[in-house]
Protein backbone atom coordinates (compact mmCIF):
# COMPACT_ATOMS: atom_id res chain seq x y z
CA MET A 1 29.04 -29.12 44.23
CA ARG A 2 25.86 -27.78 45.84
CA GLU A 3 23.23 -26.55 43.40
CA LEU A 4 23.17 -22.77 43.38
CA SER A 5 19.36 -22.56 43.29
CA SER A 6 17.88 -24.94 45.82
CA ALA A 7 16.20 -25.04 49.21
CA ALA A 8 19.50 -26.04 50.79
CA ARG A 9 21.15 -23.01 49.22
CA LEU A 10 18.34 -20.81 50.58
CA LEU A 11 19.09 -22.12 54.06
CA GLU A 12 22.74 -21.15 53.64
CA THR A 13 21.72 -17.67 52.53
CA LEU A 14 19.40 -17.19 55.50
CA ALA A 15 21.90 -18.60 57.98
CA ALA A 16 24.49 -16.12 56.74
CA LYS A 17 22.12 -13.29 57.66
CA GLY A 18 21.49 -14.44 61.22
CA PRO A 19 20.54 -17.38 63.42
CA ILE A 20 17.72 -19.59 62.13
CA PRO A 21 14.98 -19.84 64.78
CA ALA A 22 15.14 -23.17 66.58
CA GLY A 23 13.32 -25.97 64.80
CA TRP A 24 12.97 -24.35 61.37
CA ALA A 25 16.21 -25.14 59.54
CA THR A 26 15.00 -28.52 58.27
CA ALA A 27 11.79 -27.07 56.87
CA VAL A 28 13.72 -24.35 55.02
CA ALA A 29 16.19 -26.88 53.60
CA GLN A 30 13.66 -29.52 52.57
CA VAL A 31 10.61 -27.64 51.26
CA PRO A 32 11.20 -26.67 47.59
CA ARG A 33 9.91 -23.11 47.18
CA GLU A 34 9.74 -23.52 43.40
CA LEU A 35 6.73 -25.86 43.77
CA PHE A 36 4.72 -22.99 45.25
CA LEU A 37 5.24 -20.32 42.60
CA PRO A 38 3.69 -19.55 39.21
CA ASP A 39 5.53 -19.23 35.94
CA ALA A 40 5.79 -15.45 36.31
CA VAL A 41 6.82 -13.72 39.54
CA GLU A 42 7.76 -10.13 40.26
CA ALA A 43 11.00 -9.55 42.17
CA ASP A 44 12.35 -6.07 42.93
CA GLY A 45 9.97 -4.55 40.39
CA THR A 46 10.95 -6.92 37.58
CA VAL A 47 8.70 -9.66 36.22
CA ILE A 48 10.62 -12.91 35.67
CA SER A 49 9.21 -15.80 33.64
CA ARG A 50 10.35 -19.34 34.33
CA SER A 51 9.56 -20.45 30.79
CA GLU A 52 11.61 -17.60 29.29
CA GLN A 53 14.30 -17.05 31.97
CA PRO A 54 14.61 -20.33 33.88
CA GLU A 55 17.95 -19.58 35.55
CA GLU A 56 16.96 -16.07 36.63
CA TRP A 57 13.61 -17.39 37.89
CA LEU A 58 15.25 -20.07 40.04
CA ALA A 59 17.83 -17.62 41.34
CA ALA A 60 15.03 -15.27 42.48
CA VAL A 61 13.02 -18.12 44.00
CA TYR A 62 15.92 -19.26 46.16
CA ASP A 63 17.09 -15.80 47.12
CA ASP A 64 15.82 -14.02 50.21
CA LEU A 65 13.23 -12.04 48.26
CA PRO A 66 9.51 -11.39 48.50
CA LEU A 67 7.94 -12.51 45.24
CA ILE A 68 4.67 -10.98 44.03
CA THR A 69 2.43 -13.66 42.55
CA GLN A 70 -0.81 -11.74 41.95
CA VAL A 71 -1.92 -8.16 41.31
CA ASN A 72 -5.39 -6.61 41.47
CA ASP A 73 -6.91 -9.79 42.94
CA GLY A 74 -6.14 -11.68 39.76
CA ALA A 75 -8.20 -9.41 37.48
CA GLU A 76 -6.87 -8.43 34.08
CA VAL A 77 -4.88 -5.21 34.20
CA ALA A 78 -5.36 -2.66 31.43
CA PRO A 79 -2.23 -0.95 30.10
CA GLY A 80 -1.29 1.94 32.38
CA ALA A 81 -3.74 0.91 35.12
CA TYR A 82 -2.60 0.96 38.74
CA GLN A 83 -1.26 -2.43 39.80
CA MET A 84 -1.77 -3.31 43.44
CA PRO A 85 0.02 -6.43 44.70
CA THR A 86 -2.58 -8.77 46.22
CA ALA A 87 -0.68 -12.02 46.80
CA SER A 88 2.94 -13.00 47.27
CA SER A 89 5.42 -15.47 48.59
CA SER A 90 6.84 -13.59 51.57
CA MET A 91 10.51 -12.80 52.10
CA PRO A 92 11.93 -15.93 53.81
CA THR A 93 13.71 -13.96 56.55
CA VAL A 94 10.39 -12.33 57.43
CA MET A 95 8.68 -15.74 57.43
CA LEU A 96 11.29 -16.97 59.90
CA GLU A 97 10.89 -13.85 62.01
CA MET A 98 7.14 -14.45 62.27
CA LEU A 99 7.52 -18.15 62.99
CA GLY A 100 10.08 -17.39 65.68
CA LEU A 101 7.59 -15.04 67.32
CA LEU A 102 4.88 -17.70 66.99
CA ASP A 103 6.94 -20.07 69.17
CA VAL A 104 5.35 -23.32 68.04
CA ARG A 105 6.04 -26.54 69.94
CA GLU A 106 5.60 -30.20 69.09
CA GLY A 107 1.91 -31.10 69.12
CA HIS A 108 0.69 -27.55 68.59
CA ARG A 109 -2.27 -26.98 66.30
CA VAL A 110 -1.94 -23.90 64.09
CA LEU A 111 -4.49 -21.78 62.24
CA GLU A 112 -2.96 -19.74 59.42
CA LEU A 113 -4.90 -16.87 57.87
CA GLY A 114 -3.76 -16.10 54.33
CA ALA A 115 -2.69 -19.30 52.54
CA ALA A 116 -1.49 -17.44 49.41
CA THR A 117 0.90 -19.85 47.65
CA GLY A 118 0.89 -22.38 50.50
CA TYR A 119 4.65 -22.10 51.14
CA ASN A 120 4.33 -20.94 54.75
CA ALA A 121 1.76 -23.67 55.43
CA ALA A 122 4.26 -26.18 54.02
CA TRP A 123 6.91 -25.05 56.51
CA LEU A 124 4.36 -25.40 59.31
CA SER A 125 3.26 -28.82 58.05
CA HIS A 126 6.86 -30.01 57.80
CA ARG A 127 7.51 -28.92 61.38
CA LEU A 128 4.25 -30.00 63.04
CA GLY A 129 2.65 -32.51 60.68
CA SER A 130 -0.05 -31.72 58.14
CA ASP A 131 -2.86 -32.80 60.47
CA HIS A 132 -1.89 -29.99 62.87
CA VAL A 133 -2.23 -27.19 60.30
CA THR A 134 -5.26 -25.37 58.92
CA THR A 135 -4.78 -22.58 56.36
CA ILE A 136 -7.43 -20.23 54.98
CA ASP A 137 -7.61 -17.89 52.01
CA ILE A 138 -10.46 -15.64 50.93
CA ASP A 139 -9.54 -15.99 47.24
CA PRO A 140 -10.89 -19.26 45.76
CA ALA A 141 -8.16 -19.39 43.13
CA LEU A 142 -5.43 -18.92 45.73
CA ALA A 143 -6.94 -21.52 48.05
CA GLU A 144 -7.19 -24.02 45.21
CA GLY A 145 -3.64 -23.29 44.08
CA ALA A 146 -2.25 -23.56 47.61
CA GLY A 147 -3.86 -26.98 47.99
CA LYS A 148 -2.32 -28.19 44.74
CA HIS A 149 1.10 -26.80 45.62
CA LEU A 150 1.03 -28.42 49.05
CA SER A 151 0.00 -31.79 47.62
CA ALA A 152 2.75 -31.61 45.02
CA ALA A 153 5.26 -31.07 47.83
CA GLY A 154 3.83 -33.97 49.85
CA TYR A 155 1.88 -32.00 52.48
CA HIS A 156 -1.84 -32.23 53.16
CA PRO A 157 -3.00 -29.67 55.74
CA ARG A 158 -6.61 -28.55 55.78
CA VAL A 159 -6.97 -25.81 53.14
CA VAL A 160 -10.11 -23.70 53.44
CA CYS A 161 -11.59 -20.97 51.25
CA GLY A 162 -13.14 -18.49 53.62
CA ARG A 163 -12.89 -15.16 55.40
CA GLY A 164 -9.88 -15.08 57.64
CA GLU A 165 -11.45 -12.79 60.24
CA ARG A 166 -13.92 -15.57 61.03
CA GLY A 167 -11.18 -18.11 61.62
CA TRP A 168 -12.18 -21.75 61.26
CA PRO A 169 -14.21 -22.77 64.32
CA GLN A 170 -14.65 -26.32 63.02
CA GLY A 171 -10.99 -26.98 63.77
CA ALA A 172 -10.73 -25.14 67.09
CA PRO A 173 -9.21 -24.95 69.59
CA TYR A 174 -5.82 -23.94 68.22
CA ASP A 175 -2.58 -23.36 70.05
CA ARG A 176 -1.32 -20.76 67.61
CA VAL A 177 -2.88 -18.32 65.13
CA ILE A 178 -0.77 -16.59 62.47
CA ALA A 179 -1.88 -14.08 59.84
CA THR A 180 0.13 -13.45 56.69
CA TYR A 181 -1.64 -10.18 55.87
CA THR A 182 -2.02 -6.91 57.76
CA VAL A 183 -5.08 -6.41 59.94
CA PRO A 184 -6.26 -3.07 61.36
CA ASP A 185 -7.63 -4.89 64.40
CA ILE A 186 -7.57 -8.40 65.82
CA PRO A 187 -10.80 -10.34 65.21
CA TYR A 188 -12.24 -11.64 68.46
CA ALA A 189 -12.95 -14.95 66.72
CA TRP A 190 -9.21 -15.64 66.78
CA ILE A 191 -9.18 -15.22 70.54
CA GLU A 192 -12.17 -17.51 70.95
CA GLN A 193 -10.56 -20.17 68.77
CA ALA A 194 -7.17 -20.02 70.54
CA PRO A 195 -8.36 -19.59 74.15
CA ALA A 196 -4.96 -20.37 75.66
CA GLY A 197 -2.74 -19.70 72.66
CA ARG A 198 -0.67 -17.09 70.90
CA ILE A 199 -1.56 -14.81 67.99
CA VAL A 200 1.01 -13.25 65.63
CA ALA A 201 -0.24 -10.83 62.98
CA PRO A 202 1.03 -7.84 60.99
CA TRP A 203 -0.99 -5.01 62.54
CA GLY A 204 -1.88 -1.41 61.82
CA GLY A 205 -4.05 0.99 59.88
CA SER A 206 -3.42 2.85 56.66
CA PHE A 207 -0.92 5.38 58.05
CA PHE A 208 1.45 2.87 59.66
CA SER A 209 1.09 -0.89 59.30
CA HIS A 210 4.66 -2.03 59.93
CA SER A 211 4.32 -3.87 63.24
CA PHE A 212 3.90 -7.46 64.34
CA ALA A 213 1.37 -7.76 67.14
CA VAL A 214 2.38 -10.68 69.37
CA LEU A 215 -0.47 -11.53 71.72
CA ASP A 216 -0.99 -14.18 74.35
CA VAL A 217 -4.55 -15.27 75.10
CA ALA A 218 -6.04 -16.19 78.48
CA ASP A 219 -9.41 -15.79 80.17
CA GLY A 220 -11.07 -14.44 77.05
CA GLU A 221 -8.57 -11.61 76.56
CA ALA A 222 -5.38 -11.08 74.57
CA HIS A 223 -2.46 -8.88 75.57
CA GLY A 224 0.92 -8.29 73.99
CA ARG A 225 3.40 -5.94 72.37
CA PHE A 226 4.71 -4.93 68.98
CA SER A 227 7.93 -5.83 67.18
CA GLY A 228 9.57 -5.86 63.78
CA TYR A 229 8.93 -3.70 60.73
CA PRO A 230 7.05 -6.00 58.34
CA ALA A 231 5.49 -4.93 55.05
CA PHE A 232 2.51 -7.15 54.27
CA MET A 233 -0.52 -6.71 52.05
CA ARG A 234 -3.68 -5.63 53.79
CA SER A 235 -6.67 -7.84 54.57
CA ARG A 236 -9.11 -7.84 51.67
CA THR A 237 -11.99 -7.39 54.10
CA GLY A 238 -12.67 -3.66 54.26
CA ARG A 239 -9.56 -2.89 52.22
CA PRO A 240 -9.50 0.78 51.17
CA TYR A 241 -8.99 1.94 47.61
CA ARG A 242 -5.43 2.47 46.41
CA GLY A 243 -4.25 4.02 43.18
CA TYR A 244 -2.10 6.75 41.72
CA LEU A 245 -1.62 10.04 43.58
CA ASP A 246 -3.85 11.86 41.08
CA ASP A 247 -6.69 9.48 42.00
CA PHE A 248 -6.76 11.15 45.43
CA LEU A 249 -6.18 14.79 44.49
CA HIS A 250 -9.06 17.03 43.50
CA HIS A 251 -10.36 20.58 44.00
CA ARG A 252 -6.83 21.96 44.14
CA ASP A 253 -8.17 25.42 43.37
CA ALA A 254 -10.34 25.25 46.50
CA ALA A 255 -7.57 24.13 48.86
CA THR A 256 -6.53 26.26 51.82
CA GLY A 257 -2.98 27.21 52.70
CA SER A 258 -1.10 27.71 55.95
CA ARG A 259 2.39 27.40 57.39
CA THR A 260 3.94 25.33 60.16
CA ASP A 261 7.25 25.08 61.99
CA LEU A 262 6.99 21.28 62.10
CA SER A 263 9.20 19.80 59.41
CA PRO A 264 7.52 17.06 57.36
CA LEU A 265 10.82 15.17 57.59
CA ALA A 266 10.47 15.02 61.38
CA ILE A 267 7.47 12.80 60.79
CA VAL A 268 8.59 10.55 57.96
CA SER A 269 12.10 10.00 59.31
CA ASP A 270 10.96 8.63 62.68
CA ALA A 271 9.29 5.20 62.77
CA ASP A 272 8.11 5.76 66.34
CA ALA A 273 6.42 9.02 65.35
CA LEU A 274 4.75 7.28 62.42
CA PHE A 275 3.50 4.50 64.68
CA PHE A 276 1.88 6.84 67.21
CA ILE A 277 0.46 9.17 64.54
CA GLY A 278 -0.97 6.06 62.90
CA LEU A 279 -3.01 5.36 66.02
CA ASP A 280 -4.87 8.63 65.41
CA LEU A 281 -4.99 8.40 61.61
CA PRO A 282 -5.81 4.76 60.86
CA ASP A 283 -7.92 5.78 57.85
CA ALA A 284 -5.40 7.96 56.00
CA TRP A 285 -2.05 7.16 54.41
CA TYR A 286 1.04 9.14 53.53
CA LEU A 287 3.31 9.37 50.52
CA HIS A 288 6.72 11.04 50.74
CA VAL A 289 7.85 12.32 47.35
CA PRO A 290 11.39 13.78 47.13
CA ALA A 291 12.19 16.15 44.28
CA THR A 292 14.23 14.65 41.48
CA ASP A 293 16.23 17.80 40.68
CA GLY A 294 18.80 17.43 43.46
CA SER A 295 17.38 20.36 45.43
CA GLY A 296 16.62 18.31 48.53
CA GLU A 297 13.03 19.49 48.46
CA ALA A 298 10.17 17.07 49.07
CA THR A 299 6.42 16.89 49.54
CA LEU A 300 4.68 14.83 52.18
CA TRP A 301 1.18 13.94 50.99
CA ILE A 302 -1.47 12.73 53.44
CA LEU A 303 -4.46 11.13 51.73
CA ALA A 304 -7.76 9.99 53.24
CA ASP A 305 -8.87 6.45 52.47
CA ASP A 306 -12.29 7.77 51.44
CA ARG A 307 -10.58 10.13 48.93
CA ARG A 308 -12.54 13.13 50.22
CA SER A 309 -9.60 14.91 51.90
CA TRP A 310 -5.92 15.46 51.18
CA ALA A 311 -3.02 17.50 52.47
CA ALA A 312 0.45 18.44 51.23
CA ALA A 313 3.38 19.59 53.36
CA ASP A 314 6.27 21.02 51.34
CA TYR A 315 9.80 20.67 52.67
CA ALA A 316 12.74 22.83 51.59
CA PRO A 317 16.22 22.64 53.13
CA GLY A 318 17.43 25.57 55.23
CA THR A 319 14.00 26.86 56.21
CA ASP A 320 12.19 26.81 59.53
CA GLU A 321 8.66 27.20 58.15
CA TYR A 322 6.90 24.86 55.75
CA GLU A 323 3.98 25.45 53.41
CA ILE A 324 0.83 23.41 54.02
CA THR A 325 -2.04 22.90 51.55
CA GLN A 326 -5.24 21.07 52.54
CA TYR A 327 -8.62 20.24 51.09
CA GLY A 328 -11.70 18.38 52.23
CA PRO A 329 -13.88 17.92 55.30
CA ARG A 330 -10.79 16.85 57.26
CA SER A 331 -7.66 18.95 57.76
CA LEU A 332 -5.32 15.99 57.54
CA TRP A 333 -2.08 17.87 58.16
CA ASP A 334 -3.58 19.49 61.26
CA GLU A 335 -4.62 16.05 62.52
CA ALA A 336 -1.15 14.62 61.93
CA GLU A 337 0.58 17.60 63.51
CA HIS A 338 -1.70 17.47 66.57
CA SER A 339 -0.94 13.77 66.95
CA TYR A 340 2.81 14.37 66.58
CA ARG A 341 2.79 17.09 69.24
CA ARG A 342 0.79 14.88 71.60
CA TRP A 343 3.45 12.21 71.13
CA THR A 344 6.22 14.72 71.93
CA GLU A 345 4.33 15.92 75.01
CA ARG A 346 4.27 12.32 76.24
CA GLY A 347 8.08 12.28 76.04
CA LEU A 348 8.63 10.80 72.55
CA PRO A 349 7.88 7.23 73.66
CA ALA A 350 9.31 4.47 71.51
CA ARG A 351 7.02 1.88 70.01
CA ASP A 352 8.50 -0.85 72.19
CA ARG A 353 6.79 0.79 75.16
CA ALA A 354 3.40 0.25 73.53
CA GLY A 355 1.17 -2.77 73.79
CA LEU A 356 -2.19 -4.01 72.58
CA SER A 357 -5.09 -5.44 74.59
CA ILE A 358 -8.23 -7.02 73.20
CA THR A 359 -11.37 -7.99 75.06
CA ARG A 360 -14.74 -8.95 73.67
CA ALA A 361 -15.86 -5.33 74.07
CA SER A 362 -12.79 -3.30 73.10
CA GLN A 363 -9.31 -3.02 71.67
CA SER A 364 -6.81 -0.53 73.05
CA VAL A 365 -3.19 0.46 72.65
CA TRP A 366 -1.46 1.24 75.92
CA LEU A 367 1.84 2.66 77.05
CA ASP A 368 4.08 0.70 79.42
CA ARG A 369 1.27 -1.35 81.00
CA PRO A 370 -2.27 -2.49 80.18
CA GLY A 371 -4.76 0.04 81.44
CA ASN A 372 -2.57 3.06 80.65
CA VAL A 373 -4.49 3.62 77.40
CA TYR A 374 -2.88 5.72 74.69
CA ALA A 375 -5.44 5.14 71.94
């Protein structure tokens, strides 16, 4: 009888959800995920300890779950303090999605940014050979741990502690570059180090970061489109502050009020709208908070990364006007509404019509074809 918690069982689970990208089934089935995880992991909001709950821990490890392995960059967390996930073992279906987009071939040399636990690097090493894989992490403890995990599993890629945006020029050129964290822009160093390759990275700013950018590089430029709806942690380089809602709200008595006929739900219920608004608000994020009293009411908060400005849009069912409250040097609701209306004036384009181009001098998002710049 097949063991219920094993790499082979994980392969069965993933195969039941959809086709495994060509060339990856053996890596999934033969790389033991348990060797890459600490004693305590967080799954679906619950912390599970291997030493205290061994069966539950193994079941989570070999389920199709993202597992948080570090919060607050490994610093001690005081009781009641905000806990920001800062490292994880990604959801295996999302790993496969990324690796399918990466389109590696035999002999390819891969640069991975964001080693984390080392599990993704192990899949790459199993597929391509350890000598074809370089993985980088900015966190010395994570880099050291990834190296130990990989060695324990029998893989020996190059593991580097460094800043991912700089790549690793000592190992260039690469055929493929993959990032396992979200970037607000594509570092040109990656293009230089993969001059005829492909780059796959979770991409976006604070407002909307749920896109894979899939870029092909040639002649010193990279061009490509967006796909998927990933949820990855953000690059630690230039990472904005995050915390509780009250950490961003201040001067409520000095806020200004207005009304709008644009429903806040029209924004948060449309991923394409969020994507295009995010191009104009890369340095602000939103939080949709439904009422808990069954009324159907909700508040859409928009919060500036620098914590100087905030806005609230209150939704109530059955109304055609919505109350807006704003404070700070920026009128964040007005910015979001202007961006939304610009998107509607362009014909409500879907995200799959958008693409990204990077040159040494610029980065631009275009609609339908390079050169037709949207943002």
